Amino acid sequence: MFAVFKTGGKQYRVAAEDVLKVDKVKGEPGEIVEFGEVLVVGGDSVTLGAPTVAGALVAAEVLDQARGPKIIAFKKRRRKNSRRKRGHRQEFTLLRITEILTDGKKPSKTVAPRPKRAPAPAPAPQPGGEAVESAAAESAAAPKRKAAAKKPEKPKAKAPPARARKTAPKGKKKK
């Protein structure tokens, strides 16, 4: 199921468990925020709003309140001795979409625990003895390195040939 909702003058297409940056909204990290201005709800059947879908709601967990990278606005008027440099960092909120609700349902106020990833299963032992297992363990433990590509050696620069005879400076003649 997906939804398109509007916040901060922008529209976002989201599904459950999506993480996205939106312009700053009120809320502390860990809180659930609700977006009621849902324009489209899709899934098995698509519902378009006119202008919004009645009873639809998008619930999201606030992960972080942060600021974006610094943007420098530098203005110069040439030959006028006029310069202005201003910096700006846009504030944003990092959200994880928890639920897309329809029919006027209310979101759960608690954050559902995230399923933890299980560690990768160990490979099944192969018949053939311990020699195969130890070789596989060594290859898994030590990552193989590629051989360093050798650069072709450049020939050394030769010194310019020494002149056999010295010439007299220009303008003066020998007698």
N, C-alpha and C. Protein backbone atom coordinates (compact mmCIF):
# COMPACT_ATOMS: atom_id res chain seq x y z
N MET A 1 0.85 -1.18 0.00
CA MET A 1 0.00 0.00 0.00
C MET A 1 0.89 1.24 0.00
N PHE A 2 0.49 2.26 -0.76
CA PHE A 2 1.25 3.50 -0.80
C PHE A 2 0.29 4.66 -0.63
N ALA A 3 0.87 5.83 -0.36
CA ALA A 3 0.07 7.04 -0.22
C ALA A 3 0.89 8.22 -0.71
N VAL A 4 0.20 9.25 -1.14
CA VAL A 4 0.84 10.52 -1.48
C VAL A 4 0.27 11.54 -0.51
N PHE A 5 1.16 12.17 0.27
CA PHE A 5 0.68 13.18 1.21
C PHE A 5 1.45 14.46 1.00
N LYS A 6 0.92 15.54 1.58
CA LYS A 6 1.48 16.86 1.36
C LYS A 6 1.88 17.46 2.69
N THR A 7 3.11 18.00 2.74
CA THR A 7 3.59 18.73 3.91
C THR A 7 4.67 19.68 3.47
N GLY A 8 4.68 20.85 4.06
CA GLY A 8 5.71 21.83 3.73
C GLY A 8 5.67 22.30 2.29
N GLY A 9 4.49 22.27 1.66
CA GLY A 9 4.36 22.71 0.28
C GLY A 9 4.87 21.71 -0.74
N LYS A 10 5.23 20.51 -0.30
CA LYS A 10 5.73 19.47 -1.20
C LYS A 10 4.90 18.22 -1.03
N GLN A 11 4.94 17.36 -2.05
CA GLN A 11 4.21 16.11 -2.00
C GLN A 11 5.19 14.95 -1.98
N TYR A 12 4.88 13.92 -1.20
CA TYR A 12 5.76 12.76 -1.03
C TYR A 12 4.96 11.48 -1.26
N ARG A 13 5.53 10.57 -2.06
CA ARG A 13 4.92 9.25 -2.27
C ARG A 13 5.64 8.30 -1.32
N VAL A 14 4.90 7.64 -0.44
CA VAL A 14 5.51 6.81 0.59
C VAL A 14 4.80 5.47 0.71
N ALA A 15 5.51 4.53 1.29
CA ALA A 15 4.95 3.23 1.67
C ALA A 15 5.39 2.98 3.11
N ALA A 16 4.87 1.95 3.73
CA ALA A 16 5.23 1.64 5.11
C ALA A 16 6.73 1.33 5.18
N GLU A 17 7.38 1.78 6.24
CA GLU A 17 8.80 1.59 6.53
C GLU A 17 9.73 2.43 5.66
N ASP A 18 9.21 3.38 4.88
CA ASP A 18 10.07 4.28 4.13
C ASP A 18 10.68 5.30 5.07
N VAL A 19 11.91 5.73 4.77
CA VAL A 19 12.58 6.79 5.53
C VAL A 19 12.76 7.96 4.58
N LEU A 20 12.33 9.16 5.02
CA LEU A 20 12.45 10.32 4.15
C LEU A 20 12.71 11.59 4.94
N LYS A 21 13.26 12.60 4.22
CA LYS A 21 13.52 13.92 4.79
C LYS A 21 12.40 14.85 4.36
N VAL A 22 11.82 15.54 5.31
CA VAL A 22 10.82 16.55 4.99
C VAL A 22 11.23 17.84 5.68
N ASP A 23 10.63 18.97 5.24
CA ASP A 23 10.89 20.22 5.93
C ASP A 23 10.48 20.05 7.38
N LYS A 24 11.08 20.84 8.24
CA LYS A 24 10.91 20.64 9.69
C LYS A 24 9.45 20.62 10.12
N VAL A 25 9.12 19.57 10.90
CA VAL A 25 7.81 19.47 11.54
C VAL A 25 8.03 19.33 13.04
N LYS A 26 7.04 19.72 13.82
CA LYS A 26 7.19 19.65 15.27
C LYS A 26 7.18 18.20 15.73
N GLY A 27 8.03 17.89 16.68
CA GLY A 27 8.07 16.55 17.25
C GLY A 27 9.47 16.20 17.70
N GLU A 28 9.54 15.49 18.79
CA GLU A 28 10.82 15.02 19.32
C GLU A 28 11.14 13.66 18.73
N PRO A 29 12.43 13.29 18.66
CA PRO A 29 12.78 11.95 18.18
C PRO A 29 12.08 10.88 19.01
N GLY A 30 11.44 9.93 18.32
CA GLY A 30 10.70 8.87 18.99
C GLY A 30 9.19 9.10 18.99
N GLU A 31 8.75 10.33 18.73
CA GLU A 31 7.32 10.63 18.71
C GLU A 31 6.69 10.19 17.39
N ILE A 32 5.36 10.03 17.43
CA ILE A 32 4.58 9.72 16.23
C ILE A 32 3.91 11.02 15.77
N VAL A 33 4.12 11.37 14.49
CA VAL A 33 3.44 12.54 13.93
C VAL A 33 2.45 12.05 12.86
N GLU A 34 1.38 12.83 12.67
CA GLU A 34 0.32 12.44 11.74
C GLU A 34 0.23 13.46 10.62
N PHE A 35 0.01 12.99 9.40
CA PHE A 35 -0.19 13.85 8.25
C PHE A 35 -1.58 13.54 7.70
N GLY A 36 -2.49 14.51 7.80
CA GLY A 36 -3.88 14.28 7.41
C GLY A 36 -4.17 14.71 5.98
N GLU A 37 -3.27 15.44 5.35
CA GLU A 37 -3.51 15.92 4.00
C GLU A 37 -3.04 14.87 2.98
N VAL A 38 -3.78 13.79 2.88
CA VAL A 38 -3.44 12.67 1.99
C VAL A 38 -4.16 12.87 0.67
N LEU A 39 -3.41 12.89 -0.42
CA LEU A 39 -3.98 13.17 -1.74
C LEU A 39 -4.39 11.90 -2.48
N VAL A 40 -3.59 10.81 -2.33
CA VAL A 40 -3.86 9.56 -3.02
C VAL A 40 -3.55 8.41 -2.07
N VAL A 41 -4.39 7.39 -2.08
CA VAL A 41 -4.10 6.14 -1.36
C VAL A 41 -4.19 5.03 -2.40
N GLY A 42 -3.14 4.22 -2.49
CA GLY A 42 -3.10 3.16 -3.49
C GLY A 42 -2.81 1.82 -2.86
N GLY A 43 -3.01 0.80 -3.63
CA GLY A 43 -2.80 -0.57 -3.18
C GLY A 43 -3.54 -1.46 -4.13
N ASP A 44 -4.49 -2.25 -3.61
CA ASP A 44 -5.35 -3.06 -4.48
C ASP A 44 -6.21 -2.15 -5.36
N SER A 45 -6.77 -1.11 -4.77
CA SER A 45 -7.54 -0.13 -5.54
C SER A 45 -7.00 1.26 -5.18
N VAL A 46 -6.96 2.14 -6.16
CA VAL A 46 -6.42 3.48 -5.97
C VAL A 46 -7.57 4.43 -5.67
N THR A 47 -7.39 5.24 -4.60
CA THR A 47 -8.39 6.23 -4.22
C THR A 47 -7.79 7.60 -4.39
N LEU A 48 -8.39 8.42 -5.27
CA LEU A 48 -7.93 9.79 -5.48
C LEU A 48 -8.77 10.72 -4.63
N GLY A 49 -8.12 11.72 -4.06
CA GLY A 49 -8.83 12.69 -3.25
C GLY A 49 -9.32 13.85 -4.09
N ALA A 50 -10.32 14.55 -3.58
CA ALA A 50 -10.81 15.74 -4.26
C ALA A 50 -10.99 16.85 -3.25
N PRO A 51 -10.03 17.57 -2.79
CA PRO A 51 -8.60 17.45 -3.05
C PRO A 51 -7.88 16.44 -2.16
N THR A 52 -8.49 16.04 -1.03
CA THR A 52 -7.84 15.05 -0.17
C THR A 52 -8.77 13.85 0.01
N VAL A 53 -8.18 12.74 0.44
CA VAL A 53 -8.95 11.52 0.71
C VAL A 53 -9.54 11.65 2.10
N ALA A 54 -10.86 11.52 2.22
CA ALA A 54 -11.53 11.66 3.51
C ALA A 54 -11.19 10.47 4.39
N GLY A 55 -10.77 10.75 5.62
CA GLY A 55 -10.50 9.69 6.60
C GLY A 55 -9.14 9.03 6.45
N ALA A 56 -8.32 9.48 5.52
CA ALA A 56 -6.99 8.88 5.33
C ALA A 56 -5.97 9.62 6.18
N LEU A 57 -4.97 8.90 6.62
CA LEU A 57 -3.96 9.45 7.52
C LEU A 57 -2.65 8.71 7.31
N VAL A 58 -1.54 9.45 7.34
CA VAL A 58 -0.22 8.84 7.28
C VAL A 58 0.45 9.11 8.62
N ALA A 59 0.91 8.06 9.29
CA ALA A 59 1.58 8.19 10.58
C ALA A 59 3.06 7.90 10.38
N ALA A 60 3.91 8.70 11.04
CA ALA A 60 5.36 8.53 10.90
C ALA A 60 6.04 8.76 12.23
N GLU A 61 7.16 8.08 12.42
CA GLU A 61 7.98 8.23 13.62
C GLU A 61 9.09 9.22 13.31
N VAL A 62 9.31 10.18 14.20
CA VAL A 62 10.40 11.15 14.04
C VAL A 62 11.69 10.46 14.44
N LEU A 63 12.63 10.38 13.49
CA LEU A 63 13.93 9.78 13.79
C LEU A 63 14.93 10.82 14.26
N ASP A 64 14.90 12.01 13.62
CA ASP A 64 15.91 13.02 13.94
C ASP A 64 15.42 14.39 13.48
N GLN A 65 15.83 15.42 14.21
CA GLN A 65 15.66 16.81 13.79
C GLN A 65 17.07 17.31 13.50
N ALA A 66 17.34 17.74 12.27
CA ALA A 66 18.71 18.11 11.92
C ALA A 66 18.70 19.28 10.95
N ARG A 67 19.91 19.66 10.53
CA ARG A 67 20.09 20.75 9.58
C ARG A 67 20.91 20.26 8.40
N GLY A 68 20.56 20.73 7.23
CA GLY A 68 21.24 20.31 6.00
C GLY A 68 22.60 20.97 5.86
N PRO A 69 23.25 20.76 4.71
CA PRO A 69 24.57 21.35 4.48
C PRO A 69 24.48 22.86 4.32
N LYS A 70 25.59 23.55 4.58
CA LYS A 70 25.58 25.01 4.48
C LYS A 70 25.57 25.43 3.01
N ILE A 71 24.69 26.35 2.70
CA ILE A 71 24.59 26.93 1.37
C ILE A 71 25.10 28.36 1.48
N ILE A 72 26.05 28.74 0.62
CA ILE A 72 26.62 30.09 0.65
C ILE A 72 25.95 30.91 -0.45
N ALA A 73 25.37 32.05 -0.07
CA ALA A 73 24.81 32.99 -1.04
C ALA A 73 25.76 34.17 -1.10
N PHE A 74 26.53 34.27 -2.17
CA PHE A 74 27.52 35.33 -2.32
C PHE A 74 27.07 36.24 -3.46
N LYS A 75 26.92 37.51 -3.17
CA LYS A 75 26.50 38.46 -4.19
C LYS A 75 27.56 39.53 -4.30
N LYS A 76 27.91 39.88 -5.54
CA LYS A 76 28.91 40.91 -5.77
C LYS A 76 28.42 41.82 -6.89
N ARG A 77 28.54 43.10 -6.67
CA ARG A 77 28.24 44.07 -7.72
C ARG A 77 29.56 44.64 -8.17
N ARG A 78 29.96 44.32 -9.39
CA ARG A 78 31.30 44.70 -9.84
C ARG A 78 31.42 46.21 -9.97
N ARG A 79 32.61 46.68 -9.72
CA ARG A 79 33.00 48.10 -9.79
C ARG A 79 32.23 48.97 -8.81
N LYS A 80 31.58 48.39 -7.83
CA LYS A 80 30.80 49.17 -6.87
C LYS A 80 31.33 48.99 -5.45
N ASN A 81 32.34 48.14 -5.28
CA ASN A 81 32.88 47.82 -3.96
C ASN A 81 31.76 47.31 -3.05
N SER A 82 30.92 46.43 -3.59
CA SER A 82 29.79 45.92 -2.85
C SER A 82 29.80 44.40 -2.91
N ARG A 83 29.91 43.77 -1.75
CA ARG A 83 29.87 42.31 -1.67
C ARG A 83 29.04 41.92 -0.46
N ARG A 84 28.33 40.76 -0.59
CA ARG A 84 27.58 40.25 0.56
C ARG A 84 27.67 38.74 0.56
N LYS A 85 28.01 38.17 1.68
CA LYS A 85 28.13 36.72 1.82
C LYS A 85 27.23 36.30 2.98
N ARG A 86 26.29 35.39 2.67
CA ARG A 86 25.39 34.87 3.70
C ARG A 86 25.39 33.36 3.64
N GLY A 87 25.34 32.73 4.78
CA GLY A 87 25.25 31.28 4.86
C GLY A 87 23.87 30.87 5.35
N HIS A 88 23.42 29.69 4.91
CA HIS A 88 22.10 29.20 5.33
C HIS A 88 22.14 27.69 5.46
N ARG A 89 21.54 27.17 6.50
CA ARG A 89 21.38 25.72 6.68
C ARG A 89 19.89 25.44 6.89
N GLN A 90 19.31 24.68 5.96
CA GLN A 90 17.88 24.38 6.03
C GLN A 90 17.64 23.29 7.09
N GLU A 91 16.63 23.51 7.93
CA GLU A 91 16.29 22.51 8.94
C GLU A 91 15.36 21.47 8.32
N PHE A 92 15.55 20.22 8.71
CA PHE A 92 14.70 19.15 8.20
C PHE A 92 14.42 18.15 9.30
N THR A 93 13.43 17.29 9.05
CA THR A 93 13.06 16.23 9.96
C THR A 93 13.19 14.91 9.21
N LEU A 94 13.85 13.96 9.83
CA LEU A 94 13.99 12.63 9.25
C LEU A 94 12.87 11.76 9.82
N LEU A 95 12.06 11.17 8.93
CA LEU A 95 10.88 10.41 9.34
C LEU A 95 10.96 8.98 8.84
N ARG A 96 10.34 8.05 9.60
CA ARG A 96 10.09 6.69 9.13
C ARG A 96 8.59 6.50 9.14
N ILE A 97 8.04 6.16 7.98
CA ILE A 97 6.59 5.97 7.87
C ILE A 97 6.22 4.68 8.58
N THR A 98 5.30 4.77 9.54
CA THR A 98 4.91 3.58 10.30
C THR A 98 3.62 2.97 9.77
N GLU A 99 2.62 3.82 9.45
CA GLU A 99 1.32 3.29 9.03
C GLU A 99 0.67 4.21 8.01
N ILE A 100 -0.10 3.61 7.12
CA ILE A 100 -0.98 4.36 6.22
C ILE A 100 -2.39 3.89 6.55
N LEU A 101 -3.19 4.79 7.09
CA LEU A 101 -4.51 4.42 7.61
C LEU A 101 -5.62 5.03 6.76
N THR A 102 -6.73 4.30 6.65
CA THR A 102 -7.92 4.79 5.95
C THR A 102 -9.13 4.62 6.85
N ASP A 103 -10.26 5.12 6.41
CA ASP A 103 -11.54 4.97 7.10
C ASP A 103 -11.53 5.59 8.50
N GLY A 104 -10.78 6.65 8.70
CA GLY A 104 -10.80 7.37 9.98
C GLY A 104 -10.14 6.67 11.13
N LYS A 105 -9.34 5.64 10.89
CA LYS A 105 -8.65 4.94 11.98
C LYS A 105 -7.57 5.84 12.56
N LYS A 106 -7.26 5.61 13.83
CA LYS A 106 -6.24 6.39 14.52
C LYS A 106 -4.94 5.58 14.59
N PRO A 107 -3.79 6.25 14.52
CA PRO A 107 -2.51 5.51 14.59
C PRO A 107 -2.21 5.06 16.01
N SER A 108 -1.41 4.01 16.09
CA SER A 108 -0.98 3.55 17.42
C SER A 108 0.03 4.57 17.94
N LYS A 109 -0.09 4.92 19.20
CA LYS A 109 0.76 5.97 19.78
C LYS A 109 2.16 5.47 20.11
N THR A 110 2.35 4.16 20.14
CA THR A 110 3.68 3.62 20.43
C THR A 110 4.33 3.17 19.14
N VAL A 111 5.62 3.24 19.14
CA VAL A 111 6.37 2.83 17.97
C VAL A 111 6.54 1.32 18.00
N ALA A 112 6.20 0.67 16.90
CA ALA A 112 6.36 -0.79 16.83
C ALA A 112 7.84 -1.12 16.81
N PRO A 113 8.25 -2.13 17.57
CA PRO A 113 9.68 -2.48 17.58
C PRO A 113 10.10 -2.97 16.20
N ARG A 114 11.28 -2.55 15.79
CA ARG A 114 11.80 -2.95 14.49
C ARG A 114 12.28 -4.38 14.55
N PRO A 115 11.98 -5.19 13.54
CA PRO A 115 12.50 -6.56 13.56
C PRO A 115 14.01 -6.54 13.40
N LYS A 116 14.67 -7.29 14.28
CA LYS A 116 16.14 -7.33 14.23
C LYS A 116 16.57 -8.34 13.19
N ARG A 117 17.64 -7.99 12.51
CA ARG A 117 18.16 -8.90 11.49
C ARG A 117 18.91 -10.03 12.15
N ALA A 118 18.66 -11.23 11.66
CA ALA A 118 19.37 -12.39 12.18
C ALA A 118 20.74 -12.46 11.50
N PRO A 119 21.77 -12.91 12.20
CA PRO A 119 23.07 -13.02 11.55
C PRO A 119 23.01 -14.03 10.41
N ALA A 120 23.90 -13.87 9.46
CA ALA A 120 23.91 -14.76 8.30
C ALA A 120 24.17 -16.19 8.75
N PRO A 121 23.42 -17.16 8.24
CA PRO A 121 23.63 -18.54 8.68
C PRO A 121 24.99 -19.06 8.20
N ALA A 122 25.59 -19.91 9.03
CA ALA A 122 26.88 -20.50 8.69
C ALA A 122 26.68 -21.50 7.56
N PRO A 123 27.66 -21.63 6.66
CA PRO A 123 27.49 -22.60 5.57
C PRO A 123 27.46 -24.03 6.11
N ALA A 124 26.66 -24.86 5.49
CA ALA A 124 26.52 -26.24 5.92
C ALA A 124 27.81 -27.00 5.65
N PRO A 125 28.21 -27.88 6.58
CA PRO A 125 29.46 -28.64 6.36
C PRO A 125 29.32 -29.57 5.16
N GLN A 126 30.40 -29.64 4.38
CA GLN A 126 30.40 -30.50 3.21
C GLN A 126 31.10 -31.81 3.52
N PRO A 127 30.66 -32.88 2.91
CA PRO A 127 31.37 -34.14 3.13
C PRO A 127 32.75 -34.05 2.49
N GLY A 128 33.72 -34.64 3.14
CA GLY A 128 35.07 -34.61 2.58
C GLY A 128 36.11 -34.32 3.64
N GLY A 129 35.71 -34.16 4.85
CA GLY A 129 36.68 -34.04 5.93
C GLY A 129 36.93 -32.60 6.35
N GLU A 130 37.87 -32.50 7.31
CA GLU A 130 38.19 -31.20 7.88
C GLU A 130 39.05 -30.36 6.97
N ALA A 131 39.79 -30.99 6.06
CA ALA A 131 40.69 -30.23 5.19
C ALA A 131 39.89 -29.24 4.34
N VAL A 132 38.74 -29.64 3.88
CA VAL A 132 37.91 -28.76 3.07
C VAL A 132 37.38 -27.62 3.93
N GLU A 133 36.97 -27.93 5.17
CA GLU A 133 36.42 -26.91 6.05
C GLU A 133 37.48 -25.90 6.45
N SER A 134 38.71 -26.37 6.76
CA SER A 134 39.74 -25.44 7.19
C SER A 134 40.17 -24.54 6.04
N ALA A 135 40.22 -25.08 4.82
CA ALA A 135 40.57 -24.26 3.67
C ALA A 135 39.50 -23.21 3.42
N ALA A 136 38.24 -23.58 3.59
CA ALA A 136 37.15 -22.63 3.40
C ALA A 136 37.18 -21.57 4.49
N ALA A 137 37.52 -21.97 5.73
CA ALA A 137 37.58 -21.02 6.83
C ALA A 137 38.71 -20.02 6.61
N GLU A 138 39.87 -20.49 6.11
CA GLU A 138 40.99 -19.59 5.87
C GLU A 138 40.66 -18.60 4.77
N SER A 139 40.01 -19.08 3.71
CA SER A 139 39.69 -18.17 2.61
C SER A 139 38.63 -17.16 3.04
N ALA A 140 37.71 -17.55 3.92
CA ALA A 140 36.69 -16.62 4.38
C ALA A 140 37.29 -15.62 5.36
N ALA A 141 38.25 -16.03 6.17
CA ALA A 141 38.82 -15.15 7.17
C ALA A 141 39.72 -14.09 6.54
N ALA A 142 40.52 -14.47 5.57
CA ALA A 142 41.44 -13.52 4.96
C ALA A 142 40.94 -13.15 3.57
N PRO A 143 40.50 -11.89 3.38
CA PRO A 143 40.05 -11.50 2.06
C PRO A 143 41.22 -11.48 1.08
N LYS A 144 40.94 -11.91 -0.12
CA LYS A 144 42.00 -11.96 -1.13
C LYS A 144 42.25 -10.57 -1.66
N ARG A 145 43.53 -10.28 -1.86
CA ARG A 145 43.91 -8.99 -2.42
C ARG A 145 44.30 -9.17 -3.87
N LYS A 146 43.99 -8.20 -4.64
CA LYS A 146 44.40 -8.24 -6.03
C LYS A 146 45.88 -7.85 -6.10
N ALA A 147 46.58 -8.44 -7.04
CA ALA A 147 47.98 -8.10 -7.22
C ALA A 147 48.06 -6.66 -7.69
N ALA A 148 49.00 -5.93 -7.11
CA ALA A 148 49.15 -4.53 -7.47
C ALA A 148 49.67 -4.45 -8.90
N ALA A 149 49.03 -3.63 -9.68
CA ALA A 149 49.47 -3.48 -11.07
C ALA A 149 50.76 -2.68 -11.09
N LYS A 150 51.77 -3.22 -11.80
CA LYS A 150 53.05 -2.54 -11.87
C LYS A 150 52.99 -1.49 -12.97
N LYS A 151 53.52 -0.34 -12.64
CA LYS A 151 53.58 0.73 -13.63
C LYS A 151 54.82 0.52 -14.48
N PRO A 152 54.72 0.75 -15.78
CA PRO A 152 55.92 0.61 -16.60
C PRO A 152 56.93 1.69 -16.22
N GLU A 153 58.18 1.28 -16.18
CA GLU A 153 59.22 2.23 -15.77
C GLU A 153 59.51 3.18 -16.91
N LYS A 154 59.63 4.44 -16.55
CA LYS A 154 59.93 5.45 -17.56
C LYS A 154 61.44 5.47 -17.77
N PRO A 155 61.91 5.63 -19.01
CA PRO A 155 63.35 5.75 -19.22
C PRO A 155 63.84 7.06 -18.60
N LYS A 156 65.03 6.99 -18.02
CA LYS A 156 65.58 8.17 -17.36
C LYS A 156 65.94 9.20 -18.41
N ALA A 157 65.74 10.46 -18.07
CA ALA A 157 66.04 11.54 -19.00
C ALA A 157 67.55 11.65 -19.17
N LYS A 158 67.97 11.81 -20.40
CA LYS A 158 69.40 11.94 -20.68
C LYS A 158 69.81 13.39 -20.52
N ALA A 159 71.04 13.57 -20.08
CA ALA A 159 71.58 14.92 -19.96
C ALA A 159 71.86 15.45 -21.36
N PRO A 160 71.69 16.74 -21.59
CA PRO A 160 71.95 17.27 -22.92
C PRO A 160 73.43 17.08 -23.28
N PRO A 161 73.75 16.81 -24.55
CA PRO A 161 75.15 16.58 -24.92
C PRO A 161 75.99 17.82 -24.69
N ALA A 162 77.20 17.58 -24.19
CA ALA A 162 78.12 18.69 -23.94
C ALA A 162 78.63 19.20 -25.28
N ARG A 163 78.82 20.50 -25.37
CA ARG A 163 79.28 21.08 -26.63
C ARG A 163 80.76 20.81 -26.78
N ALA A 164 81.14 20.48 -27.99
CA ALA A 164 82.54 20.15 -28.25
C ALA A 164 83.42 21.38 -28.19
N ARG A 165 82.98 22.44 -28.71
CA ARG A 165 83.79 23.65 -28.66
C ARG A 165 82.95 24.79 -28.15
N LYS A 166 83.58 25.68 -27.49
CA LYS A 166 82.88 26.83 -26.96
C LYS A 166 82.88 27.92 -28.01
N THR A 167 81.79 28.60 -28.10
CA THR A 167 81.69 29.68 -29.07
C THR A 167 81.87 31.00 -28.36
N ALA A 168 82.34 31.97 -29.11
CA ALA A 168 82.55 33.29 -28.54
C ALA A 168 81.21 33.98 -28.39
N PRO A 169 81.08 34.82 -27.37
CA PRO A 169 79.83 35.54 -27.21
C PRO A 169 79.55 36.42 -28.42
N LYS A 170 78.29 36.62 -28.71
CA LYS A 170 77.93 37.41 -29.87
C LYS A 170 78.34 38.85 -29.69
N GLY A 171 78.70 39.43 -30.77
CA GLY A 171 79.10 40.85 -30.75
C GLY A 171 80.60 41.05 -30.66
N LYS A 172 81.33 40.10 -30.14
CA LYS A 172 82.78 40.21 -30.04
C LYS A 172 83.40 39.24 -31.01
N LYS A 173 84.40 39.66 -31.71
CA LYS A 173 85.10 38.78 -32.64
C LYS A 173 86.48 38.49 -32.12
N LYS A 174 86.95 37.29 -32.34
CA LYS A 174 88.31 36.92 -31.95
C LYS A 174 89.26 37.35 -33.06
N LYS A 175 90.45 37.77 -32.70
CA LYS A 175 91.45 38.14 -33.69
C LYS A 175 92.47 37.08 -33.84
